[in-house]
Amino acid sequence: MAGSIKIKVMGVLLLVVLVLGGVVFFRYFFTYEQRQQFRRNIDTVTGQNMTVTVFGFDGRIIKRWVGIEKITSGYARGGSGERNYTFFYTKEGKYVQIPDSVWYIAEEE
């Protein structure tokens, strides 16, 4: 009886030490860019089942895509940092690019 309690306590302590070690490792030994890349990789694995709807200026729905995993914004090549478009891939693997002049909503399903 006392042996099983010791094993459980040691297991919990080991788990706490591993979690704290992981936090310290990712917080202090990863650069900002490495942490961002790690987060993007986790997002890519988990995905986000989203619906993207494009609206006309009069409010009517023009096009809707379902099951989008990730939406990305493109940037100008001149270094101005202005976002010119948004793009994503459909379930079928087709590339879709939406210019900033179009109204759209991306919502999780």
PDB file of N, CA and C in Angstrom:
ATOM      1  N   MET A   1       0.826  -1.197   0.000  1.00  0.00           N
ATOM      2  CA  MET A   1       0.000   0.000   0.000  1.00  0.00           C
ATOM      3  C   MET A   1       0.864   1.252   0.000  1.00  0.00           C
ATOM      4  N   ALA A   2       1.826   1.323   0.905  1.00  0.00           N
ATOM      5  CA  ALA A   2       2.693   2.501   1.001  1.00  0.00           C
ATOM      6  C   ALA A   2       3.573   2.611  -0.239  1.00  0.00           C
ATOM      7  N   GLY A   3       3.931   1.480  -0.841  1.00  0.00           N
ATOM      8  CA  GLY A   3       4.759   1.486  -2.045  1.00  0.00           C
ATOM      9  C   GLY A   3       4.026   2.078  -3.238  1.00  0.00           C
ATOM     10  N   SER A   4       2.717   1.788  -3.367  1.00  0.00           N
ATOM     11  CA  SER A   4       1.959   2.324  -4.495  1.00  0.00           C
ATOM     12  C   SER A   4       1.755   3.838  -4.349  1.00  0.00           C
ATOM     13  N   ILE A   5       1.632   4.341  -3.134  1.00  0.00           N
ATOM     14  CA  ILE A   5       1.495   5.790  -2.918  1.00  0.00           C
ATOM     15  C   ILE A   5       2.794   6.489  -3.291  1.00  0.00           C
ATOM     16  N   LYS A   6       3.936   5.869  -2.906  1.00  0.00           N
ATOM     17  CA  LYS A   6       5.243   6.454  -3.252  1.00  0.00           C
ATOM     18  C   LYS A   6       5.413   6.508  -4.773  1.00  0.00           C
ATOM     19  N   ILE A   7       4.982   5.479  -5.463  1.00  0.00           N
ATOM     20  CA  ILE A   7       5.106   5.447  -6.922  1.00  0.00           C
ATOM     21  C   ILE A   7       4.236   6.524  -7.557  1.00  0.00           C
ATOM     22  N   LYS A   8       3.035   6.712  -7.051  1.00  0.00           N
ATOM     23  CA  LYS A   8       2.147   7.754  -7.585  1.00  0.00           C
ATOM     24  C   LYS A   8       2.714   9.145  -7.341  1.00  0.00           C
ATOM     25  N   VAL A   9       3.230   9.389  -6.142  1.00  0.00           N
ATOM     26  CA  VAL A   9       3.818  10.698  -5.819  1.00  0.00           C
ATOM     27  C   VAL A   9       5.025  10.954  -6.705  1.00  0.00           C
ATOM     28  N   MET A  10       5.873   9.955  -6.876  1.00  0.00           N
ATOM     29  CA  MET A  10       7.043  10.112  -7.740  1.00  0.00           C
ATOM     30  C   MET A  10       6.632  10.361  -9.191  1.00  0.00           C
ATOM     31  N   GLY A  11       5.582   9.691  -9.646  1.00  0.00           N
ATOM     32  CA  GLY A  11       5.090   9.915 -11.008  1.00  0.00           C
ATOM     33  C   GLY A  11       4.582  11.328 -11.209  1.00  0.00           C
ATOM     34  N   VAL A  12       3.835  11.841 -10.229  1.00  0.00           N
ATOM     35  CA  VAL A  12       3.325  13.215 -10.320  1.00  0.00           C
ATOM     36  C   VAL A  12       4.477  14.206 -10.298  1.00  0.00           C
ATOM     37  N   LEU A  13       5.456  14.000  -9.411  1.00  0.00           N
ATOM     38  CA  LEU A  13       6.620  14.897  -9.349  1.00  0.00           C
ATOM     39  C   LEU A  13       7.408  14.875 -10.664  1.00  0.00           C
ATOM     40  N   LEU A  14       7.575  13.697 -11.228  1.00  0.00           N
ATOM     41  CA  LEU A  14       8.278  13.589 -12.507  1.00  0.00           C
ATOM     42  C   LEU A  14       7.523  14.324 -13.611  1.00  0.00           C
ATOM     43  N   LEU A  15       6.215  14.207 -13.633  1.00  0.00           N
ATOM     44  CA  LEU A  15       5.400  14.910 -14.625  1.00  0.00           C
ATOM     45  C   LEU A  15       5.523  16.423 -14.472  1.00  0.00           C
ATOM     46  N   VAL A  16       5.490  16.914 -13.228  1.00  0.00           N
ATOM     47  CA  VAL A  16       5.631  18.353 -12.979  1.00  0.00           C
ATOM     48  C   VAL A  16       7.002  18.840 -13.430  1.00  0.00           C
ATOM     49  N   VAL A  17       8.045  18.085 -13.134  1.00  0.00           N
ATOM     50  CA  VAL A  17       9.399  18.468 -13.543  1.00  0.00           C
ATOM     51  C   VAL A  17       9.511  18.485 -15.061  1.00  0.00           C
ATOM     52  N   LEU A  18       8.923  17.518 -15.748  1.00  0.00           N
ATOM     53  CA  LEU A  18       8.966  17.484 -17.216  1.00  0.00           C
ATOM     54  C   LEU A  18       8.222  18.670 -17.825  1.00  0.00           C
ATOM     55  N   VAL A  19       7.071  19.006 -17.285  1.00  0.00           N
ATOM     56  CA  VAL A  19       6.299  20.142 -17.809  1.00  0.00           C
ATOM     57  C   VAL A  19       7.069  21.439 -17.592  1.00  0.00           C
ATOM     58  N   LEU A  20       7.589  21.643 -16.391  1.00  0.00           N
ATOM     59  CA  LEU A  20       8.367  22.866 -16.118  1.00  0.00           C
ATOM     60  C   LEU A  20       9.622  22.933 -16.984  1.00  0.00           C
ATOM     61  N   GLY A  21      10.279  21.791 -17.177  1.00  0.00           N
ATOM     62  CA  GLY A  21      11.450  21.757 -18.050  1.00  0.00           C
ATOM     63  C   GLY A  21      11.093  22.119 -19.485  1.00  0.00           C
ATOM     64  N   GLY A  22       9.954  21.622 -19.969  1.00  0.00           N
ATOM     65  CA  GLY A  22       9.508  21.972 -21.320  1.00  0.00           C
ATOM     66  C   GLY A  22       9.204  23.446 -21.462  1.00  0.00           C
ATOM     67  N   VAL A  23       8.542  24.021 -20.464  1.00  0.00           N
ATOM     68  CA  VAL A  23       8.231  25.459 -20.500  1.00  0.00           C
ATOM     69  C   VAL A  23       9.505  26.281 -20.523  1.00  0.00           C
ATOM     70  N   VAL A  24      10.451  25.951 -19.639  1.00  0.00           N
ATOM     71  CA  VAL A  24      11.730  26.691 -19.598  1.00  0.00           C
ATOM     72  C   VAL A  24      12.472  26.533 -20.914  1.00  0.00           C
ATOM     73  N   PHE A  25      12.502  25.317 -21.464  1.00  0.00           N
ATOM     74  CA  PHE A  25      13.212  25.080 -22.720  1.00  0.00           C
ATOM     75  C   PHE A  25      12.626  25.909 -23.861  1.00  0.00           C
ATOM     76  N   PHE A  26      11.302  25.847 -24.048  1.00  0.00           N
ATOM     77  CA  PHE A  26      10.681  26.574 -25.155  1.00  0.00           C
ATOM     78  C   PHE A  26      10.705  28.083 -24.928  1.00  0.00           C
ATOM     79  N   ARG A  27      10.672  28.513 -23.689  1.00  0.00           N
ATOM     80  CA  ARG A  27      10.630  29.957 -23.401  1.00  0.00           C
ATOM     81  C   ARG A  27      11.998  30.615 -23.558  1.00  0.00           C
ATOM     82  N   TYR A  28      13.051  29.957 -23.084  1.00  0.00           N
ATOM     83  CA  TYR A  28      14.352  30.611 -23.013  1.00  0.00           C
ATOM     84  C   TYR A  28      15.376  30.101 -24.023  1.00  0.00           C
ATOM     85  N   PHE A  29      15.167  28.955 -24.621  1.00  0.00           N
ATOM     86  CA  PHE A  29      16.152  28.429 -25.554  1.00  0.00           C
ATOM     87  C   PHE A  29      15.674  28.454 -27.004  1.00  0.00           C
ATOM     88  N   PHE A  30      14.480  28.952 -27.258  1.00  0.00           N
ATOM     89  CA  PHE A  30      13.975  29.135 -28.613  1.00  0.00           C
ATOM     90  C   PHE A  30      13.964  30.625 -28.916  1.00  0.00           C
ATOM     91  N   THR A  31      14.349  30.982 -30.126  1.00  0.00           N
ATOM     92  CA  THR A  31      14.211  32.379 -30.534  1.00  0.00           C
ATOM     93  C   THR A  31      12.737  32.652 -30.835  1.00  0.00           C
ATOM     94  N   TYR A  32      12.404  33.905 -30.986  1.00  0.00           N
ATOM     95  CA  TYR A  32      11.028  34.284 -31.296  1.00  0.00           C
ATOM     96  C   TYR A  32      10.578  33.620 -32.593  1.00  0.00           C
ATOM     97  N   GLU A  33      11.442  33.619 -33.604  1.00  0.00           N
ATOM     98  CA  GLU A  33      11.096  33.028 -34.890  1.00  0.00           C
ATOM     99  C   GLU A  33      10.866  31.522 -34.768  1.00  0.00           C
ATOM    100  N   GLN A  34      11.679  30.846 -33.964  1.00  0.00           N
ATOM    101  CA  GLN A  34      11.508  29.402 -33.778  1.00  0.00           C
ATOM    102  C   GLN A  34      10.197  29.090 -33.061  1.00  0.00           C
ATOM    103  N   ARG A  35       9.820  29.929 -32.081  1.00  0.00           N
ATOM    104  CA  ARG A  35       8.546  29.718 -31.383  1.00  0.00           C
ATOM    105  C   ARG A  35       7.374  29.918 -32.338  1.00  0.00           C
ATOM    106  N   GLN A  36       7.455  30.955 -33.188  1.00  0.00           N
ATOM    107  CA  GLN A  36       6.380  31.194 -34.145  1.00  0.00           C
ATOM    108  C   GLN A  36       6.268  30.049 -35.144  1.00  0.00           C
ATOM    109  N   GLN A  37       7.408  29.550 -35.609  1.00  0.00           N
ATOM    110  CA  GLN A  37       7.398  28.419 -36.542  1.00  0.00           C
ATOM    111  C   GLN A  37       6.796  27.182 -35.874  1.00  0.00           C
ATOM    112  N   PHE A  38       7.141  26.948 -34.618  1.00  0.00           N
ATOM    113  CA  PHE A  38       6.596  25.816 -33.870  1.00  0.00           C
ATOM    114  C   PHE A  38       5.080  25.934 -33.745  1.00  0.00           C
ATOM    115  N   ARG A  39       4.589  27.138 -33.434  1.00  0.00           N
ATOM    116  CA  ARG A  39       3.138  27.351 -33.330  1.00  0.00           C
ATOM    117  C   ARG A  39       2.450  27.128 -34.663  1.00  0.00           C
ATOM    118  N   ARG A  40       3.063  27.601 -35.765  1.00  0.00           N
ATOM    119  CA  ARG A  40       2.473  27.387 -37.087  1.00  0.00           C
ATOM    120  C   ARG A  40       2.434  25.905 -37.428  1.00  0.00           C
ATOM    121  N   ASN A  41       3.477  25.170 -37.040  1.00  0.00           N
ATOM    122  CA  ASN A  41       3.486  23.732 -37.298  1.00  0.00           C
ATOM    123  C   ASN A  41       2.389  23.035 -36.523  1.00  0.00           C
ATOM    124  N   ILE A  42       2.143  23.450 -35.289  1.00  0.00           N
ATOM    125  CA  ILE A  42       1.056  22.860 -34.507  1.00  0.00           C
ATOM    126  C   ILE A  42      -0.278  23.181 -35.164  1.00  0.00           C
ATOM    127  N   ASP A  43      -0.455  24.436 -35.632  1.00  0.00           N
ATOM    128  CA  ASP A  43      -1.693  24.807 -36.318  1.00  0.00           C
ATOM    129  C   ASP A  43      -1.888  23.979 -37.580  1.00  0.00           C
ATOM    130  N   THR A  44      -0.798  23.699 -38.291  1.00  0.00           N
ATOM    131  CA  THR A  44      -0.896  22.916 -39.510  1.00  0.00           C
ATOM    132  C   THR A  44      -1.331  21.491 -39.196  1.00  0.00           C
ATOM    133  N   VAL A  45      -0.837  20.938 -38.101  1.00  0.00           N
ATOM    134  CA  VAL A  45      -1.197  19.567 -37.738  1.00  0.00           C
ATOM    135  C   VAL A  45      -2.642  19.503 -37.259  1.00  0.00           C
ATOM    136  N   THR A  46      -3.025  20.460 -36.405  1.00  0.00           N
ATOM    137  CA  THR A  46      -4.370  20.408 -35.849  1.00  0.00           C
ATOM    138  C   THR A  46      -5.414  20.903 -36.831  1.00  0.00           C
ATOM    139  N   GLY A  47      -5.057  21.874 -37.673  1.00  0.00           N
ATOM    140  CA  GLY A  47      -6.011  22.426 -38.623  1.00  0.00           C
ATOM    141  C   GLY A  47      -7.092  23.235 -37.937  1.00  0.00           C
ATOM    142  N   GLN A  48      -7.888  23.911 -38.703  1.00  0.00           N
ATOM    143  CA  GLN A  48      -8.959  24.694 -38.122  1.00  0.00           C
ATOM    144  C   GLN A  48     -10.173  24.574 -38.988  1.00  0.00           C
ATOM    145  N   ASN A  49     -10.948  23.827 -39.121  1.00  0.00           N
ATOM    146  CA  ASN A  49     -12.090  23.665 -40.001  1.00  0.00           C
ATOM    147  C   ASN A  49     -12.908  24.963 -40.122  1.00  0.00           C
ATOM    148  N   MET A  50     -12.589  25.835 -41.095  1.00  0.00           N
ATOM    149  CA  MET A  50     -13.240  27.132 -41.237  1.00  0.00           C
ATOM    150  C   MET A  50     -14.112  27.201 -42.484  1.00  0.00           C
ATOM    151  N   THR A  51     -15.034  28.147 -42.446  1.00  0.00           N
ATOM    152  CA  THR A  51     -15.859  28.487 -43.598  1.00  0.00           C
ATOM    153  C   THR A  51     -15.494  29.907 -44.017  1.00  0.00           C
ATOM    154  N   VAL A  52     -15.193  30.092 -45.309  1.00  0.00           N
ATOM    155  CA  VAL A  52     -14.868  31.415 -45.843  1.00  0.00           C
ATOM    156  C   VAL A  52     -16.009  31.826 -46.762  1.00  0.00           C
ATOM    157  N   THR A  53     -16.580  32.995 -46.498  1.00  0.00           N
ATOM    158  CA  THR A  53     -17.691  33.516 -47.284  1.00  0.00           C
ATOM    159  C   THR A  53     -17.297  34.862 -47.856  1.00  0.00           C
ATOM    160  N   VAL A  54     -17.464  35.031 -49.173  1.00  0.00           N
ATOM    161  CA  VAL A  54     -17.178  36.297 -49.844  1.00  0.00           C
ATOM    162  C   VAL A  54     -18.506  36.981 -50.130  1.00  0.00           C
ATOM    163  N   PHE A  55     -18.584  38.262 -49.780  1.00  0.00           N
ATOM    164  CA  PHE A  55     -19.799  39.055 -49.958  1.00  0.00           C
ATOM    165  C   PHE A  55     -19.595  40.121 -51.018  1.00  0.00           C
ATOM    166  N   GLY A  56     -20.683  40.471 -51.696  1.00  0.00           N
ATOM    167  CA  GLY A  56     -20.686  41.614 -52.598  1.00  0.00           C
ATOM    168  C   GLY A  56     -20.903  42.883 -51.798  1.00  0.00           C
ATOM    169  N   PHE A  57     -20.757  44.035 -52.450  1.00  0.00           N
ATOM    170  CA  PHE A  57     -20.932  45.307 -51.751  1.00  0.00           C
ATOM    171  C   PHE A  57     -22.374  45.529 -51.319  1.00  0.00           C
ATOM    172  N   ASP A  58     -23.297  44.799 -51.926  1.00  0.00           N
ATOM    173  CA  ASP A  58     -24.702  44.926 -51.534  1.00  0.00           C
ATOM    174  C   ASP A  58     -25.082  43.948 -50.423  1.00  0.00           C
ATOM    175  N   GLY A  59     -24.110  43.136 -49.933  1.00  0.00           N
ATOM    176  CA  GLY A  59     -24.356  42.234 -48.824  1.00  0.00           C
ATOM    177  C   GLY A  59     -24.740  40.821 -49.212  1.00  0.00           C
ATOM    178  N   ARG A  60     -24.925  40.542 -50.483  1.00  0.00           N
ATOM    179  CA  ARG A  60     -25.302  39.187 -50.878  1.00  0.00           C
ATOM    180  C   ARG A  60     -24.061  38.298 -50.942  1.00  0.00           C
ATOM    181  N   ILE A  61     -24.266  37.005 -50.723  1.00  0.00           N
ATOM    182  CA  ILE A  61     -23.168  36.040 -50.733  1.00  0.00           C
ATOM    183  C   ILE A  61     -22.790  35.732 -52.175  1.00  0.00           C
ATOM    184  N   ILE A  62     -21.519  35.897 -52.483  1.00  0.00           N
ATOM    185  CA  ILE A  62     -21.026  35.602 -53.830  1.00  0.00           C
ATOM    186  C   ILE A  62     -20.497  34.173 -53.909  1.00  0.00           C
ATOM    187  N   LYS A  63     -19.679  33.780 -52.925  1.00  0.00           N
ATOM    188  CA  LYS A  63     -19.071  32.444 -52.943  1.00  0.00           C
ATOM    189  C   LYS A  63     -18.787  32.014 -51.508  1.00  0.00           C
ATOM    190  N   ARG A  64     -18.877  30.706 -51.247  1.00  0.00           N
ATOM    191  CA  ARG A  64     -18.602  30.172 -49.917  1.00  0.00           C
ATOM    192  C   ARG A  64     -17.797  28.887 -50.061  1.00  0.00           C
ATOM    193  N   TRP A  65     -16.725  28.764 -49.254  1.00  0.00           N
ATOM    194  CA  TRP A  65     -15.909  27.565 -49.206  1.00  0.00           C
ATOM    195  C   TRP A  65     -15.983  26.998 -47.797  1.00  0.00           C
ATOM    196  N   VAL A  66     -16.053  25.682 -47.689  1.00  0.00           N
ATOM    197  CA  VAL A  66     -16.188  25.010 -46.393  1.00  0.00           C
ATOM    198  C   VAL A  66     -14.990  24.095 -46.187  1.00  0.00           C
ATOM    199  N   GLY A  67     -14.538  23.963 -44.935  1.00  0.00           N
ATOM    200  CA  GLY A  67     -13.448  23.046 -44.608  1.00  0.00           C
ATOM    201  C   GLY A  67     -12.070  23.598 -44.882  1.00  0.00           C
ATOM    202  N   ILE A  68     -11.892  24.890 -44.776  1.00  0.00           N
ATOM    203  CA  ILE A  68     -10.593  25.516 -45.005  1.00  0.00           C
ATOM    204  C   ILE A  68      -9.757  25.369 -43.742  1.00  0.00           C
ATOM    205  N   GLU A  69      -8.526  24.898 -43.888  1.00  0.00           N
ATOM    206  CA  GLU A  69      -7.682  24.671 -42.722  1.00  0.00           C
ATOM    207  C   GLU A  69      -6.900  25.903 -42.302  1.00  0.00           C
ATOM    208  N   LYS A  70      -6.434  26.707 -43.255  1.00  0.00           N
ATOM    209  CA  LYS A  70      -5.544  27.805 -42.917  1.00  0.00           C
ATOM    210  C   LYS A  70      -5.694  28.924 -43.942  1.00  0.00           C
ATOM    211  N   ILE A  71      -5.747  30.163 -43.447  1.00  0.00           N
ATOM    212  CA  ILE A  71      -5.820  31.336 -44.317  1.00  0.00           C
ATOM    213  C   ILE A  71      -4.555  32.151 -44.096  1.00  0.00           C
ATOM    214  N   THR A  72      -3.950  32.622 -45.191  1.00  0.00           N
ATOM    215  CA  THR A  72      -2.698  33.364 -45.113  1.00  0.00           C
ATOM    216  C   THR A  72      -2.835  34.676 -45.865  1.00  0.00           C
ATOM    217  N   SER A  73      -2.197  35.720 -45.335  1.00  0.00           N
ATOM    218  CA  SER A  73      -2.191  37.028 -45.986  1.00  0.00           C
ATOM    219  C   SER A  73      -0.885  37.217 -46.734  1.00  0.00           C
ATOM    220  N   GLY A  74      -0.972  37.705 -47.965  1.00  0.00           N
ATOM    221  CA  GLY A  74       0.216  38.002 -48.749  1.00  0.00           C
ATOM    222  C   GLY A  74       0.666  39.425 -48.508  1.00  0.00           C
ATOM    223  N   TYR A  75       1.916  39.702 -48.767  1.00  0.00           N
ATOM    224  CA  TYR A  75       2.469  41.038 -48.559  1.00  0.00           C
ATOM    225  C   TYR A  75       3.098  41.556 -49.836  1.00  0.00           C
ATOM    226  N   ALA A  76       3.173  42.870 -49.950  1.00  0.00           N
ATOM    227  CA  ALA A  76       3.769  43.499 -51.122  1.00  0.00           C
ATOM    228  C   ALA A  76       5.252  43.159 -51.189  1.00  0.00           C
ATOM    229  N   ARG A  77       5.755  43.008 -52.395  1.00  0.00           N
ATOM    230  CA  ARG A  77       7.158  42.645 -52.567  1.00  0.00           C
ATOM    231  C   ARG A  77       8.095  43.834 -52.369  1.00  0.00           C
ATOM    232  N   GLY A  78       7.600  45.026 -52.484  1.00  0.00           N
ATOM    233  CA  GLY A  78       8.440  46.209 -52.369  1.00  0.00           C
ATOM    234  C   GLY A  78       8.884  46.516 -50.953  1.00  0.00           C
ATOM    235  N   GLY A  79       8.471  45.732 -49.986  1.00  0.00           N
ATOM    236  CA  GLY A  79       8.877  45.954 -48.609  1.00  0.00           C
ATOM    237  C   GLY A  79       8.019  46.963 -47.875  1.00  0.00           C
ATOM    238  N   SER A  80       6.929  47.406 -48.499  1.00  0.00           N
ATOM    239  CA  SER A  80       6.075  48.397 -47.847  1.00  0.00           C
ATOM    240  C   SER A  80       5.236  47.775 -46.731  1.00  0.00           C
ATOM    241  N   GLY A  81       5.093  46.452 -46.733  1.00  0.00           N
ATOM    242  CA  GLY A  81       4.357  45.763 -45.688  1.00  0.00           C
ATOM    243  C   GLY A  81       2.853  45.814 -45.858  1.00  0.00           C
ATOM    244  N   GLU A  82       2.377  46.407 -46.927  1.00  0.00           N
ATOM    245  CA  GLU A  82       0.936  46.474 -47.156  1.00  0.00           C
ATOM    246  C   GLU A  82       0.419  45.109 -47.595  1.00  0.00           C
ATOM    247  N   ARG A  83      -0.696  44.725 -47.047  1.00  0.00           N
ATOM    248  CA  ARG A  83      -1.304  43.449 -47.408  1.00  0.00           C
ATOM    249  C   ARG A  83      -2.124  43.669 -48.667  1.00  0.00           C
ATOM    250  N   ASN A  84      -1.852  42.900 -49.687  1.00  0.00           N
ATOM    251  CA  ASN A  84      -2.545  43.054 -50.956  1.00  0.00           C
ATOM    252  C   ASN A  84      -3.628  42.011 -51.179  1.00  0.00           C
ATOM    253  N   TYR A  85      -3.504  40.870 -50.539  1.00  0.00           N
ATOM    254  CA  TYR A  85      -4.450  39.784 -50.790  1.00  0.00           C
ATOM    255  C   TYR A  85      -4.413  38.777 -49.651  1.00  0.00           C
ATOM    256  N   THR A  86      -5.401  37.896 -49.655  1.00  0.00           N
ATOM    257  CA  THR A  86      -5.486  36.770 -48.728  1.00  0.00           C
ATOM    258  C   THR A  86      -5.655  35.512 -49.565  1.00  0.00           C
ATOM    259  N   PHE A  87      -5.018  34.408 -49.153  1.00  0.00           N
ATOM    260  CA  PHE A  87      -5.164  33.188 -49.939  1.00  0.00           C
ATOM    261  C   PHE A  87      -5.308  31.975 -49.030  1.00  0.00           C
ATOM    262  N   PHE A  88      -5.821  30.901 -49.610  1.00  0.00           N
ATOM    263  CA  PHE A  88      -5.989  29.629 -48.920  1.00  0.00           C
ATOM    264  C   PHE A  88      -6.149  28.533 -49.946  1.00  0.00           C
ATOM    265  N   TYR A  89      -6.131  27.299 -49.475  1.00  0.00           N
ATOM    266  CA  TYR A  89      -6.340  26.135 -50.325  1.00  0.00           C
ATOM    267  C   TYR A  89      -7.627  25.442 -49.894  1.00  0.00           C
ATOM    268  N   THR A  90      -8.409  25.002 -50.865  1.00  0.00           N
ATOM    269  CA  THR A  90      -9.661  24.307 -50.575  1.00  0.00           C
ATOM    270  C   THR A  90      -9.371  22.848 -50.212  1.00  0.00           C
ATOM    271  N   LYS A  91     -10.418  22.112 -49.844  1.00  0.00           N
ATOM    272  CA  LYS A  91     -10.262  20.690 -49.534  1.00  0.00           C
ATOM    273  C   LYS A  91      -9.718  19.916 -50.729  1.00  0.00           C
ATOM    274  N   GLU A  92     -10.085  20.362 -51.917  1.00  0.00           N
ATOM    275  CA  GLU A  92      -9.659  19.689 -53.146  1.00  0.00           C
ATOM    276  C   GLU A  92      -8.247  20.087 -53.554  1.00  0.00           C
ATOM    277  N   GLY A  93      -7.615  20.996 -52.805  1.00  0.00           N
ATOM    278  CA  GLY A  93      -6.258  21.432 -53.105  1.00  0.00           C
ATOM    279  C   GLY A  93      -6.178  22.591 -54.070  1.00  0.00           C
ATOM    280  N   LYS A  94      -7.302  23.240 -54.365  1.00  0.00           N
ATOM    281  CA  LYS A  94      -7.291  24.371 -55.286  1.00  0.00           C
ATOM    282  C   LYS A  94      -6.896  25.652 -54.548  1.00  0.00           C
ATOM    283  N   TYR A  95      -6.086  26.467 -55.195  1.00  0.00           N
ATOM    284  CA  TYR A  95      -5.612  27.726 -54.643  1.00  0.00           C
ATOM    285  C   TYR A  95      -6.664  28.800 -54.879  1.00  0.00           C
ATOM    286  N   VAL A  96      -7.014  29.563 -53.821  1.00  0.00           N
ATOM    287  CA  VAL A  96      -7.979  30.652 -53.929  1.00  0.00           C
ATOM    288  C   VAL A  96      -7.322  31.910 -53.376  1.00  0.00           C
ATOM    289  N   GLN A  97      -7.361  32.982 -54.161  1.00  0.00           N
ATOM    290  CA  GLN A  97      -6.779  34.256 -53.735  1.00  0.00           C
ATOM    291  C   GLN A  97      -7.879  35.311 -53.731  1.00  0.00           C
ATOM    292  N   ILE A  98      -8.007  36.022 -52.619  1.00  0.00           N
ATOM    293  CA  ILE A  98      -9.036  37.049 -52.462  1.00  0.00           C
ATOM    294  C   ILE A  98      -8.344  38.397 -52.304  1.00  0.00           C
ATOM    295  N   PRO A  99      -8.611  39.362 -53.180  1.00  0.00           N
ATOM    296  CA  PRO A  99      -7.995  40.688 -53.017  1.00  0.00           C
ATOM    297  C   PRO A  99      -8.588  41.430 -51.821  1.00  0.00           C
ATOM    298  N   ASP A 100      -7.858  42.412 -51.311  1.00  0.00           N
ATOM    299  CA  ASP A 100      -8.322  43.170 -50.156  1.00  0.00           C
ATOM    300  C   ASP A 100      -9.559  44.010 -50.451  1.00  0.00           C
ATOM    301  N   SER A 101      -9.835  44.255 -51.702  1.00  0.00           N
ATOM    302  CA  SER A 101     -10.998  45.069 -52.037  1.00  0.00           C
ATOM    303  C   SER A 101     -12.315  44.312 -51.873  1.00  0.00           C
ATOM    304  N   VAL A 102     -12.244  43.020 -51.601  1.00  0.00           N
ATOM    305  CA  VAL A 102     -13.439  42.186 -51.459  1.00  0.00           C
ATOM    306  C   VAL A 102     -13.712  41.950 -49.975  1.00  0.00           C
ATOM    307  N   TRP A 103     -14.981  41.981 -49.596  1.00  0.00           N
ATOM    308  CA  TRP A 103     -15.370  41.692 -48.215  1.00  0.00           C
ATOM    309  C   TRP A 103     -15.530  40.197 -48.047  1.00  0.00           C
ATOM    310  N   TYR A 104     -14.927  39.668 -46.979  1.00  0.00           N
ATOM    311  CA  TYR A 104     -15.080  38.241 -46.678  1.00  0.00           C
ATOM    312  C   TYR A 104     -15.084  38.023 -45.180  1.00  0.00           C
ATOM    313  N   ILE A 105     -15.637  36.885 -44.772  1.00  0.00           N
ATOM    314  CA  ILE A 105     -15.639  36.485 -43.378  1.00  0.00           C
ATOM    315  C   ILE A 105     -15.128  35.058 -43.311  1.00  0.00           C
ATOM    316  N   ALA A 106     -14.187  34.821 -42.403  1.00  0.00           N
ATOM    317  CA  ALA A 106     -13.682  33.472 -42.148  1.00  0.00           C
ATOM    318  C   ALA A 106     -14.115  33.103 -40.734  1.00  0.00           C
ATOM    319  N   GLU A 107     -14.929  32.059 -40.610  1.00  0.00           N
ATOM    320  CA  GLU A 107     -15.426  31.673 -39.296  1.00  0.00           C
ATOM    321  C   GLU A 107     -15.222  30.184 -39.076  1.00  0.00           C
ATOM    322  N   GLU A 108     -14.963  29.816 -37.837  1.00  0.00           N
ATOM    323  CA  GLU A 108     -14.783  28.417 -37.498  1.00  0.00           C
ATOM    324  C   GLU A 108     -16.118  27.697 -37.504  1.00  0.00           C
ATOM    325  N   GLU A 109     -16.098  26.469 -37.951  1.00  0.00           N
ATOM    326  CA  GLU A 109     -17.321  25.670 -37.993  1.00  0.00           C
ATOM    327  C   GLU A 109     -17.590  25.024 -36.662  1.00  0.00           C
TER     328      GLU A 109
END
